[in-house]
Amino acid sequence: MSNEIYFNHPTFGLLYRVCVLDDNQELFTTLYAQRLFFIVTTTPQNTSLEPISRSDGRLLVEKRLRNLRRLGTPQDYKDFYDMYKQSFP
């Protein structure tokens, strides 16, 4: 079973989920270039897509990583850190 989640954007094509940032926020990037990042915020009323830079995406992931180190389990931190190293080499 795969945990990969994709989103089809009319302009940028297929996006894939990098990670969950918060309860209702996820970070997506373009499938091939991985230069454009998007914050997808989901509420019961709608879903919004906000483009952000790669450096802003990296900062958001690093913030989540710090929170997991303080509050999460060691395995959650390790899994998230592995994703971080793969997404932002």
PDB file of N, CA and C in Angstrom:
ATOM      1  N   MET A   1       0.840  -1.175   0.000  1.00  0.00           N
ATOM      2  CA  MET A   1       0.000   0.000   0.000  1.00  0.00           C
ATOM      3  C   MET A   1       0.891   1.246   0.000  1.00  0.00           C
ATOM      4  N   SER A   2       0.528   2.230  -0.801  1.00  0.00           N
ATOM      5  CA  SER A   2       1.320   3.433  -0.946  1.00  0.00           C
ATOM      6  C   SER A   2       0.694   4.580  -0.158  1.00  0.00           C
ATOM      7  N   ASN A   3       1.548   5.388   0.454  1.00  0.00           N
ATOM      8  CA  ASN A   3       1.087   6.566   1.199  1.00  0.00           C
ATOM      9  C   ASN A   3       1.183   7.826   0.361  1.00  0.00           C
ATOM     10  N   GLU A   4       1.494   7.699  -0.921  1.00  0.00           N
ATOM     11  CA  GLU A   4       1.640   8.860  -1.782  1.00  0.00           C
ATOM     12  C   GLU A   4       0.277   9.450  -2.112  1.00  0.00           C
ATOM     13  N   ILE A   5       0.203  10.783  -2.062  1.00  0.00           N
ATOM     14  CA  ILE A   5      -1.039  11.494  -2.363  1.00  0.00           C
ATOM     15  C   ILE A   5      -0.729  12.525  -3.438  1.00  0.00           C
ATOM     16  N   TYR A   6      -1.587  12.575  -4.451  1.00  0.00           N
ATOM     17  CA  TYR A   6      -1.377  13.472  -5.578  1.00  0.00           C
ATOM     18  C   TYR A   6      -2.549  14.434  -5.713  1.00  0.00           C
ATOM     19  N   PHE A   7      -2.275  15.557  -6.361  1.00  0.00           N
ATOM     20  CA  PHE A   7      -3.278  16.596  -6.587  1.00  0.00           C
ATOM     21  C   PHE A   7      -3.063  17.111  -8.003  1.00  0.00           C
ATOM     22  N   ASN A   8      -4.104  17.172  -8.796  1.00  0.00           N
ATOM     23  CA  ASN A   8      -3.966  17.641 -10.167  1.00  0.00           C
ATOM     24  C   ASN A   8      -4.306  19.127 -10.244  1.00  0.00           C
ATOM     25  N   HIS A   9      -3.298  19.929 -10.561  1.00  0.00           N
ATOM     26  CA  HIS A   9      -3.464  21.377 -10.662  1.00  0.00           C
ATOM     27  C   HIS A   9      -3.633  21.737 -12.134  1.00  0.00           C
ATOM     28  N   PRO A  10      -4.592  22.603 -12.480  1.00  0.00           N
ATOM     29  CA  PRO A  10      -4.844  22.916 -13.893  1.00  0.00           C
ATOM     30  C   PRO A  10      -3.670  23.602 -14.599  1.00  0.00           C
ATOM     31  N   THR A  11      -2.854  24.344 -13.890  1.00  0.00           N
ATOM     32  CA  THR A  11      -1.728  25.043 -14.508  1.00  0.00           C
ATOM     33  C   THR A  11      -0.407  24.295 -14.344  1.00  0.00           C
ATOM     34  N   PHE A  12      -0.136  23.795 -13.165  1.00  0.00           N
ATOM     35  CA  PHE A  12       1.163  23.202 -12.858  1.00  0.00           C
ATOM     36  C   PHE A  12       1.202  21.693 -13.010  1.00  0.00           C
ATOM     37  N   GLY A  13       0.088  21.088 -13.344  1.00  0.00           N
ATOM     38  CA  GLY A  13       0.057  19.643 -13.560  1.00  0.00           C
ATOM     39  C   GLY A  13      -0.033  18.873 -12.263  1.00  0.00           C
ATOM     40  N   LEU A  14       0.562  17.704 -12.282  1.00  0.00           N
ATOM     41  CA  LEU A  14       0.460  16.797 -11.147  1.00  0.00           C
ATOM     42  C   LEU A  14       1.382  17.242 -10.011  1.00  0.00           C
ATOM     43  N   LEU A  15       0.807  17.406  -8.838  1.00  0.00           N
ATOM     44  CA  LEU A  15       1.544  17.749  -7.627  1.00  0.00           C
ATOM     45  C   LEU A  15       1.504  16.553  -6.698  1.00  0.00           C
ATOM     46  N   TYR A  16       2.546  16.366  -5.919  1.00  0.00           N
ATOM     47  CA  TYR A  16       2.488  15.311  -4.917  1.00  0.00           C
ATOM     48  C   TYR A  16       2.752  15.881  -3.530  1.00  0.00           C
ATOM     49  N   ARG A  17       2.183  15.192  -2.542  1.00  0.00           N
ATOM     50  CA  ARG A  17       2.292  15.669  -1.168  1.00  0.00           C
ATOM     51  C   ARG A  17       3.663  15.326  -0.605  1.00  0.00           C
ATOM     52  N   VAL A  18       4.326  16.352  -0.111  1.00  0.00           N
ATOM     53  CA  VAL A  18       5.612  16.177   0.539  1.00  0.00           C
ATOM     54  C   VAL A  18       5.380  15.727   1.980  1.00  0.00           C
ATOM     55  N   CYS A  19       4.486  16.451   2.680  1.00  0.00           N
ATOM     56  CA  CYS A  19       4.226  16.118   4.072  1.00  0.00           C
ATOM     57  C   CYS A  19       3.000  16.860   4.580  1.00  0.00           C
ATOM     58  N   VAL A  20       2.555  16.449   5.754  1.00  0.00           N
ATOM     59  CA  VAL A  20       1.502  17.148   6.489  1.00  0.00           C
ATOM     60  C   VAL A  20       2.197  18.143   7.402  1.00  0.00           C
ATOM     61  N   LEU A  21       1.774  19.391   7.354  1.00  0.00           N
ATOM     62  CA  LEU A  21       2.373  20.435   8.193  1.00  0.00           C
ATOM     63  C   LEU A  21       1.601  20.645   9.489  1.00  0.00           C
ATOM     64  N   ASP A  22       0.281  20.559   9.388  1.00  0.00           N
ATOM     65  CA  ASP A  22      -0.592  20.814  10.529  1.00  0.00           C
ATOM     66  C   ASP A  22      -1.859  20.005  10.308  1.00  0.00           C
ATOM     67  N   ASP A  23      -2.831  20.154  11.200  1.00  0.00           N
ATOM     68  CA  ASP A  23      -4.068  19.385  11.082  1.00  0.00           C
ATOM     69  C   ASP A  23      -4.765  19.598   9.746  1.00  0.00           C
ATOM     70  N   ASN A  24      -4.748  20.803   9.227  1.00  0.00           N
ATOM     71  CA  ASN A  24      -5.457  21.071   7.977  1.00  0.00           C
ATOM     72  C   ASN A  24      -4.543  21.649   6.897  1.00  0.00           C
ATOM     73  N   GLN A  25      -3.226  21.510   7.068  1.00  0.00           N
ATOM     74  CA  GLN A  25      -2.279  22.026   6.079  1.00  0.00           C
ATOM     75  C   GLN A  25      -1.322  20.933   5.618  1.00  0.00           C
ATOM     76  N   GLU A  26      -1.103  20.924   4.301  1.00  0.00           N
ATOM     77  CA  GLU A  26      -0.169  19.976   3.713  1.00  0.00           C
ATOM     78  C   GLU A  26       0.739  20.730   2.748  1.00  0.00           C
ATOM     79  N   LEU A  27       1.938  20.213   2.554  1.00  0.00           N
ATOM     80  CA  LEU A  27       2.885  20.798   1.621  1.00  0.00           C
ATOM     81  C   LEU A  27       2.962  19.909   0.388  1.00  0.00           C
ATOM     82  N   PHE A  28       2.711  20.522  -0.772  1.00  0.00           N
ATOM     83  CA  PHE A  28       2.784  19.818  -2.050  1.00  0.00           C
ATOM     84  C   PHE A  28       3.862  20.456  -2.909  1.00  0.00           C
ATOM     85  N   THR A  29       4.386  19.701  -3.871  1.00  0.00           N
ATOM     86  CA  THR A  29       5.343  20.225  -4.840  1.00  0.00           C
ATOM     87  C   THR A  29       5.046  19.627  -6.204  1.00  0.00           C
ATOM     88  N   THR A  30       5.614  20.254  -7.228  1.00  0.00           N
ATOM     89  CA  THR A  30       5.437  19.713  -8.576  1.00  0.00           C
ATOM     90  C   THR A  30       6.137  18.365  -8.656  1.00  0.00           C
ATOM     91  N   LEU A  31       5.582  17.486  -9.437  1.00  0.00           N
ATOM     92  CA  LEU A  31       6.059  16.107  -9.474  1.00  0.00           C
ATOM     93  C   LEU A  31       7.483  15.998 -10.002  1.00  0.00           C
ATOM     94  N   TYR A  32       7.816  16.729 -11.043  1.00  0.00           N
ATOM     95  CA  TYR A  32       9.111  16.533 -11.680  1.00  0.00           C
ATOM     96  C   TYR A  32      10.158  17.563 -11.275  1.00  0.00           C
ATOM     97  N   ALA A  33       9.829  18.835 -11.294  1.00  0.00           N
ATOM     98  CA  ALA A  33      10.837  19.864 -11.046  1.00  0.00           C
ATOM     99  C   ALA A  33      11.147  20.047  -9.566  1.00  0.00           C
ATOM    100  N   GLN A  34      10.168  19.888  -8.714  1.00  0.00           N
ATOM    101  CA  GLN A  34      10.290  20.105  -7.277  1.00  0.00           C
ATOM    102  C   GLN A  34      10.893  21.471  -6.959  1.00  0.00           C
ATOM    103  N   ARG A  35      10.492  22.450  -7.757  1.00  0.00           N
ATOM    104  CA  ARG A  35      10.930  23.832  -7.544  1.00  0.00           C
ATOM    105  C   ARG A  35       9.794  24.683  -6.989  1.00  0.00           C
ATOM    106  N   LEU A  36       8.577  24.362  -7.372  1.00  0.00           N
ATOM    107  CA  LEU A  36       7.406  25.099  -6.905  1.00  0.00           C
ATOM    108  C   LEU A  36       6.740  24.314  -5.786  1.00  0.00           C
ATOM    109  N   PHE A  37       6.460  25.017  -4.711  1.00  0.00           N
ATOM    110  CA  PHE A  37       5.802  24.391  -3.574  1.00  0.00           C
ATOM    111  C   PHE A  37       4.481  25.093  -3.314  1.00  0.00           C
ATOM    112  N   PHE A  38       3.555  24.365  -2.715  1.00  0.00           N
ATOM    113  CA  PHE A  38       2.223  24.883  -2.441  1.00  0.00           C
ATOM    114  C   PHE A  38       1.784  24.422  -1.063  1.00  0.00           C
ATOM    115  N   ILE A  39       1.152  25.332  -0.336  1.00  0.00           N
ATOM    116  CA  ILE A  39       0.495  24.958   0.912  1.00  0.00           C
ATOM    117  C   ILE A  39      -0.974  24.740   0.571  1.00  0.00           C
ATOM    118  N   VAL A  40      -1.461  23.565   0.846  1.00  0.00           N
ATOM    119  CA  VAL A  40      -2.870  23.246   0.623  1.00  0.00           C
ATOM    120  C   VAL A  40      -3.537  23.233   1.988  1.00  0.00           C
ATOM    121  N   THR A  41      -4.499  24.127   2.156  1.00  0.00           N
ATOM    122  CA  THR A  41      -5.247  24.243   3.401  1.00  0.00           C
ATOM    123  C   THR A  41      -6.674  23.782   3.141  1.00  0.00           C
ATOM    124  N   THR A  42      -7.113  22.821   3.929  1.00  0.00           N
ATOM    125  CA  THR A  42      -8.442  22.249   3.757  1.00  0.00           C
ATOM    126  C   THR A  42      -9.315  22.598   4.959  1.00  0.00           C
ATOM    127  N   THR A  43     -10.485  23.161   4.672  1.00  0.00           N
ATOM    128  CA  THR A  43     -11.485  23.446   5.693  1.00  0.00           C
ATOM    129  C   THR A  43     -12.788  22.804   5.227  1.00  0.00           C
ATOM    130  N   PRO A  44     -13.762  22.698   6.109  1.00  0.00           N
ATOM    131  CA  PRO A  44     -15.042  22.134   5.668  1.00  0.00           C
ATOM    132  C   PRO A  44     -15.691  22.930   4.528  1.00  0.00           C
ATOM    133  N   GLN A  45     -15.405  24.219   4.443  1.00  0.00           N
ATOM    134  CA  GLN A  45     -16.026  25.061   3.423  1.00  0.00           C
ATOM    135  C   GLN A  45     -15.301  24.997   2.077  1.00  0.00           C
ATOM    136  N   ASN A  46     -13.953  24.931   2.105  1.00  0.00           N
ATOM    137  CA  ASN A  46     -13.212  24.934   0.841  1.00  0.00           C
ATOM    138  C   ASN A  46     -11.783  24.440   1.021  1.00  0.00           C
ATOM    139  N   THR A  47     -11.061  24.385  -0.093  1.00  0.00           N
ATOM    140  CA  THR A  47      -9.647  24.038  -0.116  1.00  0.00           C
ATOM    141  C   THR A  47      -8.911  25.166  -0.823  1.00  0.00           C
ATOM    142  N   SER A  48      -7.854  25.674  -0.202  1.00  0.00           N
ATOM    143  CA  SER A  48      -7.075  26.748  -0.826  1.00  0.00           C
ATOM    144  C   SER A  48      -5.674  26.247  -1.139  1.00  0.00           C
ATOM    145  N   LEU A  49      -5.103  26.818  -2.179  1.00  0.00           N
ATOM    146  CA  LEU A  49      -3.771  26.449  -2.644  1.00  0.00           C
ATOM    147  C   LEU A  49      -2.942  27.720  -2.732  1.00  0.00           C
ATOM    148  N   GLU A  50      -1.883  27.808  -1.919  1.00  0.00           N
ATOM    149  CA  GLU A  50      -1.036  29.003  -1.884  1.00  0.00           C
ATOM    150  C   GLU A  50       0.369  28.646  -2.354  1.00  0.00           C
ATOM    151  N   PRO A  51       0.831  29.257  -3.449  1.00  0.00           N
ATOM    152  CA  PRO A  51       2.198  28.980  -3.904  1.00  0.00           C
ATOM    153  C   PRO A  51       3.222  29.629  -2.977  1.00  0.00           C
ATOM    154  N   ILE A  52       4.300  28.903  -2.704  1.00  0.00           N
ATOM    155  CA  ILE A  52       5.388  29.429  -1.888  1.00  0.00           C
ATOM    156  C   ILE A  52       6.709  29.013  -2.541  1.00  0.00           C
ATOM    157  N   SER A  53       7.778  29.643  -2.125  1.00  0.00           N
ATOM    158  CA  SER A  53       9.093  29.317  -2.674  1.00  0.00           C
ATOM    159  C   SER A  53       9.636  28.036  -2.043  1.00  0.00           C
ATOM    160  N   ARG A  54      10.651  27.495  -2.672  1.00  0.00           N
ATOM    161  CA  ARG A  54      11.308  26.297  -2.134  1.00  0.00           C
ATOM    162  C   ARG A  54      11.897  26.589  -0.750  1.00  0.00           C
ATOM    163  N   SER A  55      12.496  27.758  -0.576  1.00  0.00           N
ATOM    164  CA  SER A  55      13.095  28.093   0.725  1.00  0.00           C
ATOM    165  C   SER A  55      12.023  28.237   1.807  1.00  0.00           C
ATOM    166  N   ASP A  56      10.862  28.794   1.458  1.00  0.00           N
ATOM    167  CA  ASP A  56       9.766  28.876   2.431  1.00  0.00           C
ATOM    168  C   ASP A  56       9.240  27.484   2.774  1.00  0.00           C
ATOM    169  N   GLY A  57       9.158  26.620   1.771  1.00  0.00           N
ATOM    170  CA  GLY A  57       8.742  25.241   2.022  1.00  0.00           C
ATOM    171  C   GLY A  57       9.705  24.539   2.956  1.00  0.00           C
ATOM    172  N   ARG A  58      10.985  24.754   2.729  1.00  0.00           N
ATOM    173  CA  ARG A  58      12.008  24.151   3.584  1.00  0.00           C
ATOM    174  C   ARG A  58      11.876  24.658   5.023  1.00  0.00           C
ATOM    175  N   LEU A  59      11.645  25.959   5.195  1.00  0.00           N
ATOM    176  CA  LEU A  59      11.483  26.516   6.535  1.00  0.00           C
ATOM    177  C   LEU A  59      10.285  25.914   7.263  1.00  0.00           C
ATOM    178  N   LEU A  60       9.180  25.729   6.542  1.00  0.00           N
ATOM    179  CA  LEU A  60       7.997  25.124   7.158  1.00  0.00           C
ATOM    180  C   LEU A  60       8.258  23.683   7.584  1.00  0.00           C
ATOM    181  N   VAL A  61       8.978  22.947   6.753  1.00  0.00           N
ATOM    182  CA  VAL A  61       9.303  21.558   7.084  1.00  0.00           C
ATOM    183  C   VAL A  61      10.261  21.512   8.275  1.00  0.00           C
ATOM    184  N   GLU A  62      11.228  22.417   8.313  1.00  0.00           N
ATOM    185  CA  GLU A  62      12.157  22.458   9.450  1.00  0.00           C
ATOM    186  C   GLU A  62      11.445  22.817  10.748  1.00  0.00           C
ATOM    187  N   LYS A  63      10.461  23.706  10.660  1.00  0.00           N
ATOM    188  CA  LYS A  63       9.671  24.048  11.849  1.00  0.00           C
ATOM    189  C   LYS A  63       8.915  22.823  12.359  1.00  0.00           C
ATOM    190  N   ARG A  64       8.305  22.088  11.439  1.00  0.00           N
ATOM    191  CA  ARG A  64       7.582  20.864  11.819  1.00  0.00           C
ATOM    192  C   ARG A  64       8.548  19.843  12.414  1.00  0.00           C
ATOM    193  N   LEU A  65       9.736  19.757  11.856  1.00  0.00           N
ATOM    194  CA  LEU A  65      10.751  18.835  12.351  1.00  0.00           C
ATOM    195  C   LEU A  65      11.151  19.170  13.791  1.00  0.00           C
ATOM    196  N   ARG A  66      11.326  20.459  14.081  1.00  0.00           N
ATOM    197  CA  ARG A  66      11.649  20.877  15.453  1.00  0.00           C
ATOM    198  C   ARG A  66      10.518  20.521  16.423  1.00  0.00           C
ATOM    199  N   ASN A  67       9.279  20.732  15.992  1.00  0.00           N
ATOM    200  CA  ASN A  67       8.143  20.386  16.856  1.00  0.00           C
ATOM    201  C   ASN A  67       8.079  18.889  17.113  1.00  0.00           C
ATOM    202  N   LEU A  68       8.349  18.094  16.093  1.00  0.00           N
ATOM    203  CA  LEU A  68       8.343  16.637  16.292  1.00  0.00           C
ATOM    204  C   LEU A  68       9.461  16.205  17.233  1.00  0.00           C
ATOM    205  N   ARG A  69      10.598  16.862  17.152  1.00  0.00           N
ATOM    206  CA  ARG A  69      11.717  16.510  18.036  1.00  0.00           C
ATOM    207  C   ARG A  69      11.347  16.771  19.495  1.00  0.00           C
ATOM    208  N   ARG A  70      10.612  17.871  19.720  1.00  0.00           N
ATOM    209  CA  ARG A  70      10.214  18.211  21.092  1.00  0.00           C
ATOM    210  C   ARG A  70       9.026  17.402  21.578  1.00  0.00           C
ATOM    211  N   LEU A  71       8.023  17.218  20.695  1.00  0.00           N
ATOM    212  CA  LEU A  71       6.748  16.674  21.158  1.00  0.00           C
ATOM    213  C   LEU A  71       6.384  15.306  20.600  1.00  0.00           C
ATOM    214  N   GLY A  72       7.028  14.878  19.545  1.00  0.00           N
ATOM    215  CA  GLY A  72       6.649  13.633  18.885  1.00  0.00           C
ATOM    216  C   GLY A  72       7.410  12.437  19.394  1.00  0.00           C
ATOM    217  N   THR A  73       7.082  11.299  18.811  1.00  0.00           N
ATOM    218  CA  THR A  73       7.797  10.072  19.144  1.00  0.00           C
ATOM    219  C   THR A  73       9.095  10.012  18.342  1.00  0.00           C
ATOM    220  N   PRO A  74      10.083   9.280  18.835  1.00  0.00           N
ATOM    221  CA  PRO A  74      11.338   9.160  18.078  1.00  0.00           C
ATOM    222  C   PRO A  74      11.135   8.599  16.663  1.00  0.00           C
ATOM    223  N   GLN A  75      10.204   7.685  16.493  1.00  0.00           N
ATOM    224  CA  GLN A  75       9.968   7.110  15.166  1.00  0.00           C
ATOM    225  C   GLN A  75       9.331   8.135  14.219  1.00  0.00           C
ATOM    226  N   ASP A  76       8.395   8.921  14.727  1.00  0.00           N
ATOM    227  CA  ASP A  76       7.797   9.979  13.897  1.00  0.00           C
ATOM    228  C   ASP A  76       8.862  10.975  13.455  1.00  0.00           C
ATOM    229  N   TYR A  77       9.742  11.337  14.382  1.00  0.00           N
ATOM    230  CA  TYR A  77      10.815  12.270  14.062  1.00  0.00           C
ATOM    231  C   TYR A  77      11.737  11.671  12.999  1.00  0.00           C
ATOM    232  N   LYS A  78      12.117  10.415  13.159  1.00  0.00           N
ATOM    233  CA  LYS A  78      13.011   9.761  12.201  1.00  0.00           C
ATOM    234  C   LYS A  78      12.379   9.695  10.818  1.00  0.00           C
ATOM    235  N   ASP A  79      11.112   9.304  10.751  1.00  0.00           N
ATOM    236  CA  ASP A  79      10.421   9.213   9.457  1.00  0.00           C
ATOM    237  C   ASP A  79      10.347  10.584   8.784  1.00  0.00           C
ATOM    238  N   PHE A  80      10.022  11.606   9.552  1.00  0.00           N
ATOM    239  CA  PHE A  80       9.911  12.953   9.001  1.00  0.00           C
ATOM    240  C   PHE A  80      11.282  13.475   8.576  1.00  0.00           C
ATOM    241  N   TYR A  81      12.313  13.165   9.372  1.00  0.00           N
ATOM    242  CA  TYR A  81      13.666  13.588   9.029  1.00  0.00           C
ATOM    243  C   TYR A  81      14.127  12.919   7.735  1.00  0.00           C
ATOM    244  N   ASP A  82      13.809  11.648   7.542  1.00  0.00           N
ATOM    245  CA  ASP A  82      14.145  10.951   6.303  1.00  0.00           C
ATOM    246  C   ASP A  82      13.473  11.617   5.106  1.00  0.00           C
ATOM    247  N   MET A  83      12.219  12.002   5.256  1.00  0.00           N
ATOM    248  CA  MET A  83      11.503  12.701   4.186  1.00  0.00           C
ATOM    249  C   MET A  83      12.169  14.041   3.914  1.00  0.00           C
ATOM    250  N   TYR A  84      12.578  14.736   4.957  1.00  0.00           N
ATOM    251  CA  TYR A  84      13.237  16.032   4.822  1.00  0.00           C
ATOM    252  C   TYR A  84      14.534  15.893   4.014  1.00  0.00           C
ATOM    253  N   LYS A  85      15.344  14.912   4.342  1.00  0.00           N
ATOM    254  CA  LYS A  85      16.611  14.701   3.642  1.00  0.00           C
ATOM    255  C   LYS A  85      16.386  14.348   2.172  1.00  0.00           C
ATOM    256  N   GLN A  86      15.312  13.638   1.887  1.00  0.00           N
ATOM    257  CA  GLN A  86      15.015  13.259   0.512  1.00  0.00           C
ATOM    258  C   GLN A  86      14.465  14.455  -0.273  1.00  0.00           C
ATOM    259  N   SER A  87      13.656  15.283   0.344  1.00  0.00           N
ATOM    260  CA  SER A  87      13.013  16.406  -0.350  1.00  0.00           C
ATOM    261  C   SER A  87      13.920  17.622  -0.466  1.00  0.00           C
ATOM    262  N   PHE A  88      14.806  17.816   0.501  1.00  0.00           N
ATOM    263  CA  PHE A  88      15.682  18.985   0.514  1.00  0.00           C
ATOM    264  C   PHE A  88      17.132  18.540   0.709  1.00  0.00           C
ATOM    265  N   PRO A  89      17.704  17.908  -0.312  1.00  0.00           N
ATOM    266  CA  PRO A  89      19.087  17.383  -0.161  1.00  0.00           C
ATOM    267  C   PRO A  89      20.118  18.486  -0.061  1.00  0.00           C
TER     268      PRO A  89
END
